[in-house]
Structures are given as C-alpha cells and as structure tokens.
C-alpha cells in the first residue's frame, strides 16, 4: 500500500488531496501511467510531466525512481521564489 499526495493545481485537477493505493508499478513513471489510465482527471493532471515534481518519502526524486520500499509519493508543481 502506498500513500499518494497531491498538492496545488494537481490536487485541484484530481479532486483529492491524497489516496492510498495498491499498485503494481515499480517506478514513479509507471505509477503515473497507471493513474493517468484511470480517469480523464488524472490524465489531465499528469499530461505535462515537465510541469510536475515528485517526492518519495519527502525527498525530491525523479520520475524514473524505483518505488520499492517507498511509503509516500507526493506530486506538486515546481516551487517558485519571490
């Protein structure tokens, strides 16, 4: 079981702040593909991965990172300064 968190406009598009999933995905990219195939709202949220960041267990990571042993995946837009 993995906890998936959505922040900012990702949460707005999907309509959920978080969910717990059973997944067969072995990488973040596979998880994104699995989520995108669920419903159009997920497909829209993940349509442009260059506008997304991902953290695994609260550590910034990449979309090709393995999910083995990961308890939490968070998706969010890049942080901007100001």
PDB file of N, CA and C in Angstrom:
ATOM      1  N   UNK A   1       0.848  -1.179   0.000  1.00  0.00           N
ATOM      2  CA  UNK A   1       0.000   0.000   0.000  1.00  0.00           C
ATOM      3  C   UNK A   1       0.890   1.238   0.000  1.00  0.00           C
ATOM      4  N   UNK A   2       0.531   2.203  -0.829  1.00  0.00           N
ATOM      5  CA  UNK A   2       1.325   3.424  -0.945  1.00  0.00           C
ATOM      6  C   UNK A   2       0.391   4.625  -0.780  1.00  0.00           C
ATOM      7  N   UNK A   3       0.861   5.639  -0.107  1.00  0.00           N
ATOM      8  CA  UNK A   3       0.103   6.873   0.085  1.00  0.00           C
ATOM      9  C   UNK A   3       0.530   7.839  -1.015  1.00  0.00           C
ATOM     10  N   UNK A   4      -0.438   8.357  -1.775  1.00  0.00           N
ATOM     11  CA  UNK A   4      -0.145   9.309  -2.837  1.00  0.00           C
ATOM     12  C   UNK A   4      -0.765  10.648  -2.448  1.00  0.00           C
ATOM     13  N   UNK A   5       0.064  11.688  -2.435  1.00  0.00           N
ATOM     14  CA  UNK A   5      -0.366  13.034  -2.060  1.00  0.00           C
ATOM     15  C   UNK A   5      -0.338  13.939  -3.284  1.00  0.00           C
ATOM     16  N   UNK A   6      -1.336  14.805  -3.374  1.00  0.00           N
ATOM     17  CA  UNK A   6      -1.429  15.760  -4.486  1.00  0.00           C
ATOM     18  C   UNK A   6      -1.489  17.168  -3.912  1.00  0.00           C
ATOM     19  N   UNK A   7      -0.703  18.088  -4.488  1.00  0.00           N
ATOM     20  CA  UNK A   7      -0.647  19.460  -3.990  1.00  0.00           C
ATOM     21  C   UNK A   7      -0.965  20.462  -5.097  1.00  0.00           C
ATOM     22  N   UNK A   8      -1.458  21.623  -4.690  1.00  0.00           N
ATOM     23  CA  UNK A   8      -1.722  22.777  -5.561  1.00  0.00           C
ATOM     24  C   UNK A   8      -2.664  22.398  -6.703  1.00  0.00           C
ATOM     25  N   UNK A   9      -2.325  22.774  -7.934  1.00  0.00           N
ATOM     26  CA  UNK A   9      -3.248  22.516  -9.051  1.00  0.00           C
ATOM     27  C   UNK A   9      -3.389  21.033  -9.367  1.00  0.00           C
ATOM     28  N   UNK A  10      -2.439  20.211  -8.956  1.00  0.00           N
ATOM     29  CA  UNK A  10      -2.570  18.763  -9.156  1.00  0.00           C
ATOM     30  C   UNK A  10      -3.772  18.271  -8.343  1.00  0.00           C
ATOM     31  N   UNK A  11      -3.843  18.713  -7.091  1.00  0.00           N
ATOM     32  CA  UNK A  11      -4.968  18.353  -6.219  1.00  0.00           C
ATOM     33  C   UNK A  11      -6.287  18.884  -6.798  1.00  0.00           C
ATOM     34  N   UNK A  12      -6.259  20.102  -7.319  1.00  0.00           N
ATOM     35  CA  UNK A  12      -7.476  20.693  -7.886  1.00  0.00           C
ATOM     36  C   UNK A  12      -7.971  19.893  -9.086  1.00  0.00           C
ATOM     37  N   UNK A  13      -7.077  19.476  -9.954  1.00  0.00           N
ATOM     38  CA  UNK A  13      -7.485  18.710 -11.143  1.00  0.00           C
ATOM     39  C   UNK A  13      -8.000  17.323 -10.788  1.00  0.00           C
ATOM     40  N   UNK A  14      -7.344  16.674  -9.841  1.00  0.00           N
ATOM     41  CA  UNK A  14      -7.745  15.318  -9.467  1.00  0.00           C
ATOM     42  C   UNK A  14      -8.940  15.337  -8.519  1.00  0.00           C
ATOM     43  N   UNK A  15      -9.023  16.368  -7.686  1.00  0.00           N
ATOM     44  CA  UNK A  15     -10.146  16.487  -6.769  1.00  0.00           C
ATOM     45  C   UNK A  15      -9.946  15.790  -5.438  1.00  0.00           C
ATOM     46  N   UNK A  16      -8.724  15.358  -5.169  1.00  0.00           N
ATOM     47  CA  UNK A  16      -8.394  14.679  -3.917  1.00  0.00           C
ATOM     48  C   UNK A  16      -7.072  15.218  -3.381  1.00  0.00           C
ATOM     49  N   UNK A  17      -6.949  15.346  -2.056  1.00  0.00           N
ATOM     50  CA  UNK A  17      -5.644  15.734  -1.507  1.00  0.00           C
ATOM     51  C   UNK A  17      -4.695  14.553  -1.360  1.00  0.00           C
ATOM     52  N   UNK A  18      -5.271  13.330  -1.199  1.00  0.00           N
ATOM     53  CA  UNK A  18      -4.445  12.131  -1.009  1.00  0.00           C
ATOM     54  C   UNK A  18      -5.291  10.895  -1.243  1.00  0.00           C
ATOM     55  N   UNK A  19      -4.638   9.782  -1.489  1.00  0.00           N
ATOM     56  CA  UNK A  19      -5.313   8.482  -1.568  1.00  0.00           C
ATOM     57  C   UNK A  19      -4.300   7.388  -1.291  1.00  0.00           C
ATOM     58  N   UNK A  20      -4.811   6.256  -0.827  1.00  0.00           N
ATOM     59  CA  UNK A  20      -3.969   5.071  -0.587  1.00  0.00           C
ATOM     60  C   UNK A  20      -4.221   4.089  -1.729  1.00  0.00           C
ATOM     61  N   UNK A  21      -3.144   3.569  -2.300  1.00  0.00           N
ATOM     62  CA  UNK A  21      -3.251   2.704  -3.478  1.00  0.00           C
ATOM     63  C   UNK A  21      -2.484   1.402  -3.293  1.00  0.00           C
ATOM     64  N   UNK A  22      -3.035   0.361  -3.873  1.00  0.00           N
ATOM     65  CA  UNK A  22      -2.273  -0.853  -4.139  1.00  0.00           C
ATOM     66  C   UNK A  22      -1.836  -0.721  -5.586  1.00  0.00           C
ATOM     67  N   UNK A  23      -0.574  -0.844  -5.864  1.00  0.00           N
ATOM     68  CA  UNK A  23      -0.088  -0.656  -7.228  1.00  0.00           C
ATOM     69  C   UNK A  23       0.907  -1.751  -7.604  1.00  0.00           C
ATOM     70  N   UNK A  24       0.958  -2.042  -8.879  1.00  0.00           N
ATOM     71  CA  UNK A  24       1.955  -2.960  -9.422  1.00  0.00           C
ATOM     72  C   UNK A  24       3.144  -2.195 -10.005  1.00  0.00           C
ATOM     73  N   UNK A  25       3.060  -0.848  -9.984  1.00  0.00           N
ATOM     74  CA  UNK A  25       4.111  -0.008 -10.559  1.00  0.00           C
ATOM     75  C   UNK A  25       5.428  -0.213  -9.820  1.00  0.00           C
ATOM     76  N   UNK A  26       6.522  -0.248 -10.574  1.00  0.00           N
ATOM     77  CA  UNK A  26       7.845  -0.391  -9.966  1.00  0.00           C
ATOM     78  C   UNK A  26       8.636   0.912  -9.984  1.00  0.00           C
ATOM     79  N   UNK A  27       8.161   1.908 -10.754  1.00  0.00           N
ATOM     80  CA  UNK A  27       8.808   3.226 -10.813  1.00  0.00           C
ATOM     81  C   UNK A  27       7.730   4.301 -10.716  1.00  0.00           C
ATOM     82  N   UNK A  28       8.159   5.529 -10.464  1.00  0.00           N
ATOM     83  CA  UNK A  28       7.219   6.647 -10.434  1.00  0.00           C
ATOM     84  C   UNK A  28       6.533   6.790 -11.791  1.00  0.00           C
ATOM     85  N   UNK A  29       7.283   6.655 -12.873  1.00  0.00           N
ATOM     86  CA  UNK A  29       6.704   6.785 -14.215  1.00  0.00           C
ATOM     87  C   UNK A  29       5.603   5.753 -14.448  1.00  0.00           C
ATOM     88  N   UNK A  30       5.806   4.540 -13.978  1.00  0.00           N
ATOM     89  CA  UNK A  30       4.770   3.508 -14.122  1.00  0.00           C
ATOM     90  C   UNK A  30       3.538   3.853 -13.287  1.00  0.00           C
ATOM     91  N   UNK A  31       3.756   4.425 -12.108  1.00  0.00           N
ATOM     92  CA  UNK A  31       2.638   4.850 -11.274  1.00  0.00           C
ATOM     93  C   UNK A  31       1.848   5.952 -11.976  1.00  0.00           C
ATOM     94  N   UNK A  32       2.554   6.914 -12.567  1.00  0.00           N
ATOM     95  CA  UNK A  32       1.893   7.997 -13.309  1.00  0.00           C
ATOM     96  C   UNK A  32       1.072   7.421 -14.455  1.00  0.00           C
ATOM     97  N   UNK A  33       1.629   6.460 -15.191  1.00  0.00           N
ATOM     98  CA  UNK A  33       0.900   5.836 -16.304  1.00  0.00           C
ATOM     99  C   UNK A  33      -0.346   5.120 -15.791  1.00  0.00           C
ATOM    100  N   UNK A  34      -0.209   4.420 -14.672  1.00  0.00           N
ATOM    101  CA  UNK A  34      -1.342   3.704 -14.071  1.00  0.00           C
ATOM    102  C   UNK A  34      -2.437   4.686 -13.645  1.00  0.00           C
ATOM    103  N   UNK A  35      -2.042   5.780 -12.997  1.00  0.00           N
ATOM    104  CA  UNK A  35      -3.016   6.783 -12.571  1.00  0.00           C
ATOM    105  C   UNK A  35      -3.666   7.467 -13.762  1.00  0.00           C
ATOM    106  N   UNK A  36      -2.866   7.816 -14.772  1.00  0.00           N
ATOM    107  CA  UNK A  36      -3.380   8.511 -15.959  1.00  0.00           C
ATOM    108  C   UNK A  36      -4.421   7.684 -16.697  1.00  0.00           C
ATOM    109  N   UNK A  37      -4.281   6.370 -16.633  1.00  0.00           N
ATOM    110  CA  UNK A  37      -5.214   5.480 -17.335  1.00  0.00           C
ATOM    111  C   UNK A  37      -6.543   5.340 -16.593  1.00  0.00           C
ATOM    112  N   UNK A  38      -6.593   5.758 -15.340  1.00  0.00           N
ATOM    113  CA  UNK A  38      -7.803   5.612 -14.526  1.00  0.00           C
ATOM    114  C   UNK A  38      -8.984   6.422 -15.050  1.00  0.00           C
ATOM    115  N   UNK A  39      -8.772   7.732 -15.139  1.00  0.00           N
ATOM    116  CA  UNK A  39      -9.842   8.662 -15.492  1.00  0.00           C
ATOM    117  C   UNK A  39      -9.231   9.887 -16.160  1.00  0.00           C
ATOM    118  N   UNK A  40     -10.062  10.642 -16.848  1.00  0.00           N
ATOM    119  CA  UNK A  40      -9.581  11.827 -17.552  1.00  0.00           C
ATOM    120  C   UNK A  40      -8.971  12.856 -16.605  1.00  0.00           C
ATOM    121  N   UNK A  41      -9.527  12.993 -15.403  1.00  0.00           N
ATOM    122  CA  UNK A  41      -8.985  13.992 -14.474  1.00  0.00           C
ATOM    123  C   UNK A  41      -7.534  13.683 -14.106  1.00  0.00           C
ATOM    124  N   UNK A  42      -7.181  12.402 -13.987  1.00  0.00           N
ATOM    125  CA  UNK A  42      -5.789  12.027 -13.726  1.00  0.00           C
ATOM    126  C   UNK A  42      -4.936  12.272 -14.970  1.00  0.00           C
ATOM    127  N   UNK A  43      -5.465  11.916 -16.117  1.00  0.00           N
ATOM    128  CA  UNK A  43      -4.732  12.130 -17.370  1.00  0.00           C
ATOM    129  C   UNK A  43      -4.403  13.612 -17.547  1.00  0.00           C
ATOM    130  N   UNK A  44      -5.353  14.479 -17.219  1.00  0.00           N
ATOM    131  CA  UNK A  44      -5.110  15.926 -17.317  1.00  0.00           C
ATOM    132  C   UNK A  44      -4.043  16.378 -16.326  1.00  0.00           C
ATOM    133  N   UNK A  45      -4.121  15.895 -15.118  1.00  0.00           N
ATOM    134  CA  UNK A  45      -3.158  16.300 -14.094  1.00  0.00           C
ATOM    135  C   UNK A  45      -1.732  15.888 -14.451  1.00  0.00           C
ATOM    136  N   UNK A  46      -1.589  14.739 -15.118  1.00  0.00           N
ATOM    137  CA  UNK A  46      -0.255  14.223 -15.441  1.00  0.00           C
ATOM    138  C   UNK A  46       0.113  14.391 -16.920  1.00  0.00           C
ATOM    139  N   UNK A  47      -0.597  15.254 -17.634  1.00  0.00           N
ATOM    140  CA  UNK A  47      -0.363  15.384 -19.078  1.00  0.00           C
ATOM    141  C   UNK A  47       0.972  16.032 -19.417  1.00  0.00           C
ATOM    142  N   UNK A  48       1.524  16.840 -18.527  1.00  0.00           N
ATOM    143  CA  UNK A  48       2.794  17.515 -18.798  1.00  0.00           C
ATOM    144  C   UNK A  48       3.735  17.315 -17.607  1.00  0.00           C
ATOM    145  N   UNK A  49       4.508  16.248 -17.659  1.00  0.00           N
ATOM    146  CA  UNK A  49       5.385  15.927 -16.531  1.00  0.00           C
ATOM    147  C   UNK A  49       6.481  16.958 -16.309  1.00  0.00           C
ATOM    148  N   UNK A  50       6.787  17.763 -17.334  1.00  0.00           N
ATOM    149  CA  UNK A  50       7.803  18.798 -17.147  1.00  0.00           C
ATOM    150  C   UNK A  50       7.315  19.882 -16.191  1.00  0.00           C
ATOM    151  N   UNK A  51       6.002  19.945 -15.954  1.00  0.00           N
ATOM    152  CA  UNK A  51       5.458  20.944 -15.031  1.00  0.00           C
ATOM    153  C   UNK A  51       5.163  20.334 -13.661  1.00  0.00           C
ATOM    154  N   UNK A  52       5.712  19.148 -13.398  1.00  0.00           N
ATOM    155  CA  UNK A  52       5.491  18.460 -12.126  1.00  0.00           C
ATOM    156  C   UNK A  52       6.806  18.080 -11.471  1.00  0.00           C
ATOM    157  N   UNK A  53       6.762  18.005 -10.156  1.00  0.00           N
ATOM    158  CA  UNK A  53       7.864  17.461  -9.379  1.00  0.00           C
ATOM    159  C   UNK A  53       7.302  16.310  -8.564  1.00  0.00           C
ATOM    160  N   UNK A  54       8.181  15.436  -8.114  1.00  0.00           N
ATOM    161  CA  UNK A  54       7.758  14.295  -7.308  1.00  0.00           C
ATOM    162  C   UNK A  54       8.722  14.134  -6.139  1.00  0.00           C
ATOM    163  N   UNK A  55       8.158  13.766  -4.995  1.00  0.00           N
ATOM    164  CA  UNK A  55       8.969  13.455  -3.816  1.00  0.00           C
ATOM    165  C   UNK A  55       8.581  12.067  -3.330  1.00  0.00           C
ATOM    166  N   UNK A  56       9.582  11.277  -2.983  1.00  0.00           N
ATOM    167  CA  UNK A  56       9.376   9.943  -2.423  1.00  0.00           C
ATOM    168  C   UNK A  56       9.783   9.982  -0.961  1.00  0.00           C
ATOM    169  N   UNK A  57       8.846   9.669  -0.084  1.00  0.00           N
ATOM    170  CA  UNK A  57       9.096   9.752   1.357  1.00  0.00           C
ATOM    171  C   UNK A  57       9.736  11.092   1.729  1.00  0.00           C
ATOM    172  N   UNK A  58       9.196  12.162   1.171  1.00  0.00           N
ATOM    173  CA  UNK A  58       9.577  13.552   1.434  1.00  0.00           C
ATOM    174  C   UNK A  58      10.968  13.934   0.944  1.00  0.00           C
ATOM    175  N   UNK A  59      11.488  13.167  -0.033  1.00  0.00           N
ATOM    176  CA  UNK A  59      12.770  13.501  -0.668  1.00  0.00           C
ATOM    177  C   UNK A  59      12.518  13.737  -2.152  1.00  0.00           C
ATOM    178  N   UNK A  60      12.940  14.899  -2.665  1.00  0.00           N
ATOM    179  CA  UNK A  60      12.775  15.196  -4.076  1.00  0.00           C
ATOM    180  C   UNK A  60      13.390  14.081  -4.909  1.00  0.00           C
ATOM    181  N   UNK A  61      12.671  13.639  -5.925  1.00  0.00           N
ATOM    182  CA  UNK A  61      13.122  12.493  -6.702  1.00  0.00           C
ATOM    183  C   UNK A  61      12.838  12.713  -8.179  1.00  0.00           C
ATOM    184  N   UNK A  62      13.032  11.658  -8.976  1.00  0.00           N
ATOM    185  CA  UNK A  62      12.777  11.731 -10.413  1.00  0.00           C
ATOM    186  C   UNK A  62      11.702  10.722 -10.793  1.00  0.00           C
ATOM    187  N   UNK A  63      11.177  10.884 -11.985  1.00  0.00           N
ATOM    188  CA  UNK A  63      10.096  10.017 -12.439  1.00  0.00           C
ATOM    189  C   UNK A  63      10.573   8.602 -12.786  1.00  0.00           C
ATOM    190  N   UNK A  64      11.876   8.410 -12.928  1.00  0.00           N
ATOM    191  CA  UNK A  64      12.376   7.056 -13.194  1.00  0.00           C
ATOM    192  C   UNK A  64      12.842   6.357 -11.908  1.00  0.00           C
ATOM    193  N   UNK A  65      12.596   6.988 -10.766  1.00  0.00           N
ATOM    194  CA  UNK A  65      12.999   6.414  -9.479  1.00  0.00           C
ATOM    195  C   UNK A  65      12.166   5.177  -9.147  1.00  0.00           C
ATOM    196  N   UNK A  66      12.798   4.173  -8.533  1.00  0.00           N
ATOM    197  CA  UNK A  66      12.066   2.969  -8.132  1.00  0.00           C
ATOM    198  C   UNK A  66      11.153   3.234  -6.938  1.00  0.00           C
ATOM    199  N   UNK A  67      10.063   2.488  -6.867  1.00  0.00           N
ATOM    200  CA  UNK A  67       9.102   2.620  -5.772  1.00  0.00           C
ATOM    201  C   UNK A  67       9.312   1.588  -4.663  1.00  0.00           C
ATOM    202  N   UNK A  68      10.254   0.688  -4.827  1.00  0.00           N
ATOM    203  CA  UNK A  68      10.487  -0.364  -3.825  1.00  0.00           C
ATOM    204  C   UNK A  68      10.743   0.256  -2.454  1.00  0.00           C
ATOM    205  N   UNK A  69       9.938  -0.126  -1.475  1.00  0.00           N
ATOM    206  CA  UNK A  69      10.102   0.359  -0.118  1.00  0.00           C
ATOM    207  C   UNK A  69       9.539   1.740   0.159  1.00  0.00           C
ATOM    208  N   UNK A  70       9.036   2.406  -0.854  1.00  0.00           N
ATOM    209  CA  UNK A  70       8.502   3.758  -0.686  1.00  0.00           C
ATOM    210  C   UNK A  70       7.119   3.685  -0.050  1.00  0.00           C
ATOM    211  N   UNK A  71       6.891   4.534   0.934  1.00  0.00           N
ATOM    212  CA  UNK A  71       5.579   4.580   1.602  1.00  0.00           C
ATOM    213  C   UNK A  71       4.727   5.745   1.119  1.00  0.00           C
ATOM    214  N   UNK A  72       5.379   6.838   0.665  1.00  0.00           N
ATOM    215  CA  UNK A  72       4.637   8.035   0.283  1.00  0.00           C
ATOM    216  C   UNK A  72       5.207   8.636  -0.996  1.00  0.00           C
ATOM    217  N   UNK A  73       4.302   8.964  -1.918  1.00  0.00           N
ATOM    218  CA  UNK A  73       4.660   9.654  -3.161  1.00  0.00           C
ATOM    219  C   UNK A  73       3.865  10.946  -3.196  1.00  0.00           C
ATOM    220  N   UNK A  74       4.545  12.081  -3.411  1.00  0.00           N
ATOM    221  CA  UNK A  74       3.862  13.365  -3.484  1.00  0.00           C
ATOM    222  C   UNK A  74       4.129  14.003  -4.838  1.00  0.00           C
ATOM    223  N   UNK A  75       3.059  14.517  -5.446  1.00  0.00           N
ATOM    224  CA  UNK A  75       3.160  15.220  -6.722  1.00  0.00           C
ATOM    225  C   UNK A  75       2.801  16.682  -6.500  1.00  0.00           C
ATOM    226  N   UNK A  76       3.608  17.594  -7.067  1.00  0.00           N
ATOM    227  CA  UNK A  76       3.379  19.029  -6.868  1.00  0.00           C
ATOM    228  C   UNK A  76       4.043  19.803  -7.991  1.00  0.00           C
ATOM    229  N   UNK A  77       3.590  21.052  -8.216  1.00  0.00           N
ATOM    230  CA  UNK A  77       4.246  21.883  -9.223  1.00  0.00           C
ATOM    231  C   UNK A  77       5.584  22.385  -8.695  1.00  0.00           C
ATOM    232  N   UNK A  78       6.482  22.825  -9.587  1.00  0.00           N
ATOM    233  CA  UNK A  78       7.766  23.355  -9.132  1.00  0.00           C
ATOM    234  C   UNK A  78       7.537  24.550  -8.204  1.00  0.00           C
ATOM    235  N   UNK A  79       8.384  24.669  -7.226  1.00  0.00           N
ATOM    236  CA  UNK A  79       8.285  25.802  -6.304  1.00  0.00           C
ATOM    237  C   UNK A  79       8.884  27.037  -6.985  1.00  0.00           C
ATOM    238  N   UNK A  80       8.244  28.168  -6.766  1.00  0.00           N
ATOM    239  CA  UNK A  80       8.774  29.414  -7.319  1.00  0.00           C
ATOM    240  C   UNK A  80       9.149  30.335  -6.174  1.00  0.00           C
ATOM    241  N   UNK A  81      10.194  31.087  -6.374  1.00  0.00           N
ATOM    242  CA  UNK A  81      10.635  32.029  -5.351  1.00  0.00           C
ATOM    243  C   UNK A  81       9.914  33.356  -5.500  1.00  0.00           C
ATOM    244  N   UNK A  82      10.138  34.219  -4.540  1.00  0.00           N
ATOM    245  CA  UNK A  82       9.537  35.533  -4.706  1.00  0.00           C
ATOM    246  C   UNK A  82       9.349  36.290  -3.468  1.00  0.00           C
TER     247      UNK A  82
END
